[in-house]
Amino acid sequence: MTPEEVGARLVALLAPVEATPSVSGGQRFARATVDVPPESWVTAVRAARDDAALACDFFDWLSAVDELAEGFDVVAHLWSTRLRHGVLLRTRLSRGAPTVASVVDVYPGAAWHERETHEMFGIDFAGHGELLPLLLPPEFEGHPLRKEFVLASRVAKPWPGAKEPGESEAGGGRRPIRPPGVPAPGEWGTTPTPAGAGGVGEGPRGGTPARPAGERPARPAPGARPARTPRSVAADDGPAAPEQPAPGPVADPPARGDHTDDDGGTT
């Protein structure tokens, strides 16, 4: 079945529920995507598993997406090991009370995924029964994957990159853009200013002064550097050879057959 056929089949099974089919991705990565209301979440998951034409017997993964004011999208991917097609099921929850029914009774393998999504996004899965901390320590407060969650490490020290987004010197007065997770001015105390930023902080928070210019040697202007001293030809040829003593007179060797006695005479 094509992704369009998979989506149309699931929508027909859920009628009269208002489900919206679409296709995510493209080419061989295309996947049928069906948006369903929260109250039909379990019904849609079970229909994708039990229908003979869909036969999505494998639970792949479940997670969520923070859509800010629009709430949270809970997304589950199901796969058919026999027919080799899949479907993305998606439902949107309100931000004030993000709760949806658990699908552990349909796919026991969803237990781990629902625990992680509950921990990272604060979404409750009714009927799960064991939404205990999975990745974070028990004393951890907050939900790190929510977009309003303040990343304290991004406030306690400067961003490790060379430049923050929008701080390029060639930008010509472009307004700096705060990276994700960094609060607006005045929301989280004083933020350090990276060295080299001139000691100017963002808004009323101020910043830590940059390193004094005296600690860094000034670079000479172009053309002000001293010219290189050219090396001599002898230096280019390598080290000079040591001086040899002048040769002295060489004595003639004795003629063949001559014999020198002990007194120095020749016989």
Protein backbone atom coordinates (compact mmCIF):
# COMPACT_ATOMS: atom_id res chain seq x y z
CA MET A 1 0.00 0.00 0.00
CA THR A 2 1.14 3.52 -0.74
CA PRO A 3 1.28 6.10 2.08
CA GLU A 4 -1.86 7.72 0.71
CA GLU A 5 -3.69 4.39 0.74
CA VAL A 6 -2.55 3.63 4.28
CA GLY A 7 -3.81 7.00 5.53
CA ALA A 8 -7.14 6.68 3.70
CA ARG A 9 -7.64 3.17 5.08
CA LEU A 10 -7.10 4.25 8.68
CA VAL A 11 -9.40 7.26 8.31
CA ALA A 12 -12.14 4.96 6.95
CA LEU A 13 -11.72 2.64 9.94
CA LEU A 14 -12.10 5.54 12.39
CA ALA A 15 -15.25 7.03 10.80
CA PRO A 16 -17.19 8.96 11.95
CA VAL A 17 -14.23 10.31 13.95
CA GLU A 18 -12.74 13.40 12.28
CA ALA A 19 -9.26 12.17 11.36
CA THR A 20 -7.02 14.02 8.92
CA PRO A 21 -4.64 12.07 6.64
CA SER A 22 -1.43 13.46 5.14
CA VAL A 23 2.00 12.28 4.02
CA SER A 24 5.26 13.08 5.81
CA GLY A 25 8.64 12.95 4.10
CA GLY A 26 9.20 12.13 0.48
CA GLN A 27 10.28 9.43 -1.97
CA ARG A 28 11.17 6.20 -0.18
CA PHE A 29 10.94 7.97 3.18
CA ALA A 30 7.30 8.99 2.67
CA ARG A 31 5.06 7.94 5.52
CA ALA A 32 1.31 8.08 6.04
CA THR A 33 0.39 10.52 8.83
CA VAL A 34 -3.03 10.65 10.46
CA ASP A 35 -4.10 13.30 12.98
CA VAL A 36 -6.76 12.16 15.43
CA PRO A 37 -8.46 13.82 18.41
CA PRO A 38 -7.10 12.86 21.87
CA GLU A 39 -10.22 10.89 22.80
CA SER A 40 -9.69 8.60 19.78
CA TRP A 41 -5.99 8.01 20.41
CA VAL A 42 -6.23 4.44 21.72
CA THR A 43 -8.91 3.55 19.16
CA ALA A 44 -6.67 4.66 16.29
CA VAL A 45 -3.66 2.75 17.63
CA ARG A 46 -5.70 -0.42 18.02
CA ALA A 47 -7.26 -0.08 14.56
CA ALA A 48 -3.82 0.21 12.94
CA ARG A 49 -2.74 -2.97 14.72
CA ASP A 50 -5.84 -5.16 14.27
CA ASP A 51 -6.92 -4.30 10.71
CA ALA A 52 -5.77 -7.00 8.27
CA ALA A 53 -5.03 -4.46 5.53
CA LEU A 54 -2.80 -2.39 7.82
CA ALA A 55 -1.42 -5.06 10.19
CA CYS A 56 0.89 -2.68 12.08
CA ASP A 57 2.13 -5.29 14.53
CA PHE A 58 5.33 -3.50 15.54
CA PHE A 59 5.45 -0.47 17.87
CA ASP A 60 8.43 1.61 16.77
CA TRP A 61 8.52 4.72 18.97
CA LEU A 62 6.48 7.42 20.71
CA SER A 63 7.45 10.97 21.62
CA ALA A 64 6.11 14.53 21.67
CA VAL A 65 6.70 17.95 20.10
CA ASP A 66 6.30 21.24 21.95
CA GLU A 67 4.20 23.57 19.79
CA LEU A 68 4.26 26.39 22.38
CA ALA A 69 0.88 28.13 22.62
CA GLU A 70 -0.77 25.48 20.45
CA GLY A 71 0.01 22.73 22.96
CA PHE A 72 1.86 19.42 22.51
CA ASP A 73 1.77 16.90 19.70
CA VAL A 74 2.08 13.28 20.78
CA VAL A 75 3.39 11.18 17.90
CA ALA A 76 3.59 7.39 17.58
CA HIS A 77 5.10 5.42 14.71
CA LEU A 78 3.70 1.96 13.94
CA TRP A 79 5.07 -0.52 11.40
CA SER A 80 3.89 -3.64 9.63
CA THR A 81 6.62 -6.29 9.56
CA ARG A 82 4.65 -8.35 7.02
CA LEU A 83 3.40 -5.67 4.61
CA ARG A 84 6.40 -3.34 5.00
CA HIS A 85 4.56 -0.06 5.50
CA GLY A 86 4.13 2.28 8.44
CA VAL A 87 1.90 5.02 9.79
CA LEU A 88 2.48 8.06 11.99
CA LEU A 89 -0.35 8.71 14.42
CA ARG A 90 -0.51 12.20 15.92
CA THR A 91 -2.76 13.93 18.42
CA ARG A 92 -2.61 17.43 19.92
CA LEU A 93 -3.00 18.11 23.63
CA SER A 94 -3.72 21.41 25.37
CA ARG A 95 -0.82 23.03 27.16
CA GLY A 96 -2.73 23.57 30.38
CA ALA A 97 -3.58 19.89 30.96
CA PRO A 98 -1.61 17.64 28.57
CA THR A 99 -3.18 14.23 29.19
CA VAL A 100 -3.89 11.32 26.87
CA ALA A 101 -4.74 7.65 27.42
CA SER A 102 -1.89 5.16 27.58
CA VAL A 103 -1.49 2.56 24.82
CA VAL A 104 0.48 0.08 26.95
CA ASP A 105 -2.47 -2.34 26.84
CA VAL A 106 -2.25 -2.32 23.03
CA TYR A 107 1.55 -2.27 22.73
CA PRO A 108 3.41 -3.18 25.95
CA GLY A 109 6.59 -1.81 24.37
CA ALA A 110 5.16 1.72 24.66
CA ALA A 111 5.73 1.74 28.43
CA TRP A 112 9.33 3.00 28.19
CA HIS A 113 8.44 5.65 25.59
CA GLU A 114 5.53 7.01 27.63
CA ARG A 115 7.72 7.26 30.72
CA GLU A 116 10.35 9.23 28.81
CA THR A 117 7.75 11.54 27.23
CA HIS A 118 6.16 12.14 30.63
CA GLU A 119 9.55 12.97 32.13
CA MET A 120 10.78 15.25 29.35
CA PHE A 121 7.52 17.03 28.41
CA GLY A 122 5.28 16.64 31.48
CA ILE A 123 2.55 14.80 29.54
CA ASP A 124 0.41 12.39 31.56
CA PHE A 125 -0.59 9.03 30.11
CA ALA A 126 -3.74 7.93 31.90
CA GLY A 127 -3.74 4.24 32.75
CA HIS A 128 0.02 3.76 32.58
CA GLY A 129 0.43 3.39 36.33
CA GLU A 130 4.25 3.61 36.52
CA LEU A 131 5.31 7.02 35.21
CA LEU A 132 8.47 7.01 37.33
CA PRO A 133 11.69 8.93 36.56
CA LEU A 134 13.59 7.18 33.81
CA LEU A 135 16.56 9.33 32.72
CA LEU A 136 16.76 12.16 35.25
CA PRO A 137 17.48 12.00 39.00
CA PRO A 138 14.39 11.95 41.24
CA GLU A 139 15.16 15.41 42.64
CA PHE A 140 15.22 17.04 39.19
CA GLU A 141 12.58 19.74 38.74
CA GLY A 142 10.98 20.66 35.44
CA HIS A 143 10.74 19.09 31.98
CA PRO A 144 13.89 19.72 29.90
CA LEU A 145 12.34 19.30 26.43
CA ARG A 146 9.71 21.98 26.94
CA LYS A 147 10.70 25.08 25.04
CA GLU A 148 10.16 27.39 28.00
CA PHE A 149 12.55 25.36 30.16
CA VAL A 150 15.54 27.57 31.10
CA LEU A 151 18.89 25.97 30.42
CA ALA A 152 20.82 27.26 33.43
CA SER A 153 24.18 26.33 31.94
CA ARG A 154 23.52 28.69 29.01
CA VAL A 155 23.06 31.53 31.51
CA ALA A 156 25.84 30.72 33.98
CA LYS A 157 28.60 30.86 31.37
CA PRO A 158 29.07 32.35 27.90
CA TRP A 159 28.03 30.42 24.84
CA PRO A 160 31.04 28.27 23.84
CA GLY A 161 30.79 29.21 20.17
CA ALA A 162 32.92 31.93 18.64
CA LYS A 163 29.87 34.15 18.16
CA GLU A 164 26.30 34.11 19.30
CA PRO A 165 23.72 34.10 16.49
CA GLY A 166 23.47 37.65 15.16
CA GLU A 167 26.73 38.89 16.71
CA SER A 168 28.83 38.79 13.57
CA GLU A 169 30.91 41.94 13.22
CA ALA A 170 29.99 42.07 9.54
CA GLY A 171 26.30 42.19 10.34
CA GLY A 172 26.16 45.96 10.38
CA GLY A 173 24.10 46.52 13.52
CA ARG A 174 22.02 43.37 13.34
CA ARG A 175 20.16 42.76 16.58
CA PRO A 176 21.62 39.82 18.55
CA ILE A 177 19.40 36.75 18.72
CA ARG A 178 19.28 34.79 21.97
CA PRO A 179 20.05 31.10 21.52
CA PRO A 180 17.34 28.56 22.47
CA GLY A 181 17.04 28.12 26.21
CA VAL A 182 18.43 31.53 27.20
CA PRO A 183 15.85 33.75 28.95
CA ALA A 184 15.02 37.30 27.97
CA PRO A 185 16.80 40.24 29.67
CA GLY A 186 15.96 40.59 33.35
CA GLU A 187 14.49 37.10 33.73
CA TRP A 188 17.52 35.27 35.12
CA GLY A 189 19.96 37.66 36.79
CA THR A 190 23.26 38.77 35.33
CA THR A 191 24.59 37.06 32.25
CA PRO A 192 28.36 36.99 31.63
CA THR A 193 29.56 38.66 28.49
CA PRO A 194 31.99 36.66 26.33
CA ALA A 195 35.54 38.00 26.15
CA GLY A 196 35.98 40.36 23.27
CA ALA A 197 32.45 41.75 23.40
CA GLY A 198 33.61 45.03 24.91
CA GLY A 199 31.97 44.43 28.29
CA VAL A 200 28.53 45.31 26.98
CA GLY A 201 25.79 43.05 28.32
CA GLU A 202 22.34 42.43 26.90
CA GLY A 203 19.72 44.87 28.17
CA PRO A 204 19.60 45.79 31.88
CA ARG A 205 21.42 42.65 32.94
CA GLY A 206 24.83 44.06 32.07
CA GLY A 207 27.71 41.65 31.85
CA THR A 208 31.19 40.75 32.87
CA PRO A 209 33.86 43.08 31.48
CA ALA A 210 35.93 41.70 28.68
CA ARG A 211 39.61 40.91 29.19
CA PRO A 212 41.69 44.13 29.41
CA ALA A 213 43.50 45.02 26.26
CA GLY A 214 46.81 45.21 28.14
CA GLU A 215 46.86 41.44 28.67
CA ARG A 216 46.90 40.77 24.95
CA PRO A 217 49.77 42.10 22.80
CA ALA A 218 48.58 44.40 20.06
CA ARG A 219 48.99 43.11 16.54
CA PRO A 220 51.10 45.39 14.30
CA ALA A 221 49.36 47.17 11.48
CA PRO A 222 49.90 45.88 7.95
CA GLY A 223 53.20 47.22 6.60
CA ALA A 224 54.54 48.03 10.07
CA ARG A 225 56.30 44.72 10.57
CA PRO A 226 60.14 44.86 10.29
CA ALA A 227 61.55 43.51 7.05
CA ARG A 228 63.26 40.17 7.16
CA THR A 229 67.08 40.19 7.15
CA PRO A 230 68.28 38.33 4.04
CA ARG A 231 70.62 35.47 4.74
CA SER A 232 74.09 35.29 3.16
CA VAL A 233 74.90 32.89 0.37
CA ALA A 234 77.22 30.96 2.66
CA ALA A 235 74.42 30.55 5.15
CA ASP A 236 72.20 29.17 2.42
CA ASP A 237 74.86 26.62 1.46
CA GLY A 238 75.07 25.20 4.96
CA PRO A 239 77.67 25.46 7.73
CA ALA A 240 81.21 26.47 6.75
CA ALA A 241 83.89 23.75 6.66
CA PRO A 242 86.56 23.93 9.38
CA GLU A 243 89.94 25.42 8.37
CA GLN A 244 92.67 22.91 7.45
CA PRO A 245 96.36 23.48 8.30
CA ALA A 246 98.68 24.46 5.44
CA PRO A 247 100.52 21.45 4.00
CA GLY A 248 104.30 21.21 4.79
CA PRO A 249 107.21 19.71 2.74
CA VAL A 250 106.90 16.03 2.11
CA ALA A 251 110.05 13.83 2.35
CA ASP A 252 110.93 11.64 -0.61
CA PRO A 253 110.34 7.95 0.01
CA PRO A 254 113.42 5.72 0.12
CA ALA A 255 114.42 3.98 -3.09
CA ARG A 256 113.60 0.32 -3.54
CA GLY A 257 116.36 -1.92 -2.27
CA ASP A 258 117.80 0.69 0.09
CA HIS A 259 118.10 -0.17 3.77
CA THR A 260 118.26 2.29 6.59
CA ASP A 261 120.49 1.30 9.42
CA ASP A 262 120.11 2.18 13.07
CA ASP A 263 122.36 5.29 12.68
CA GLY A 264 120.13 6.77 9.97
CA GLY A 265 122.52 5.95 7.14
CA THR A 266 121.70 4.20 3.92
CA THR A 267 123.47 1.16 2.73
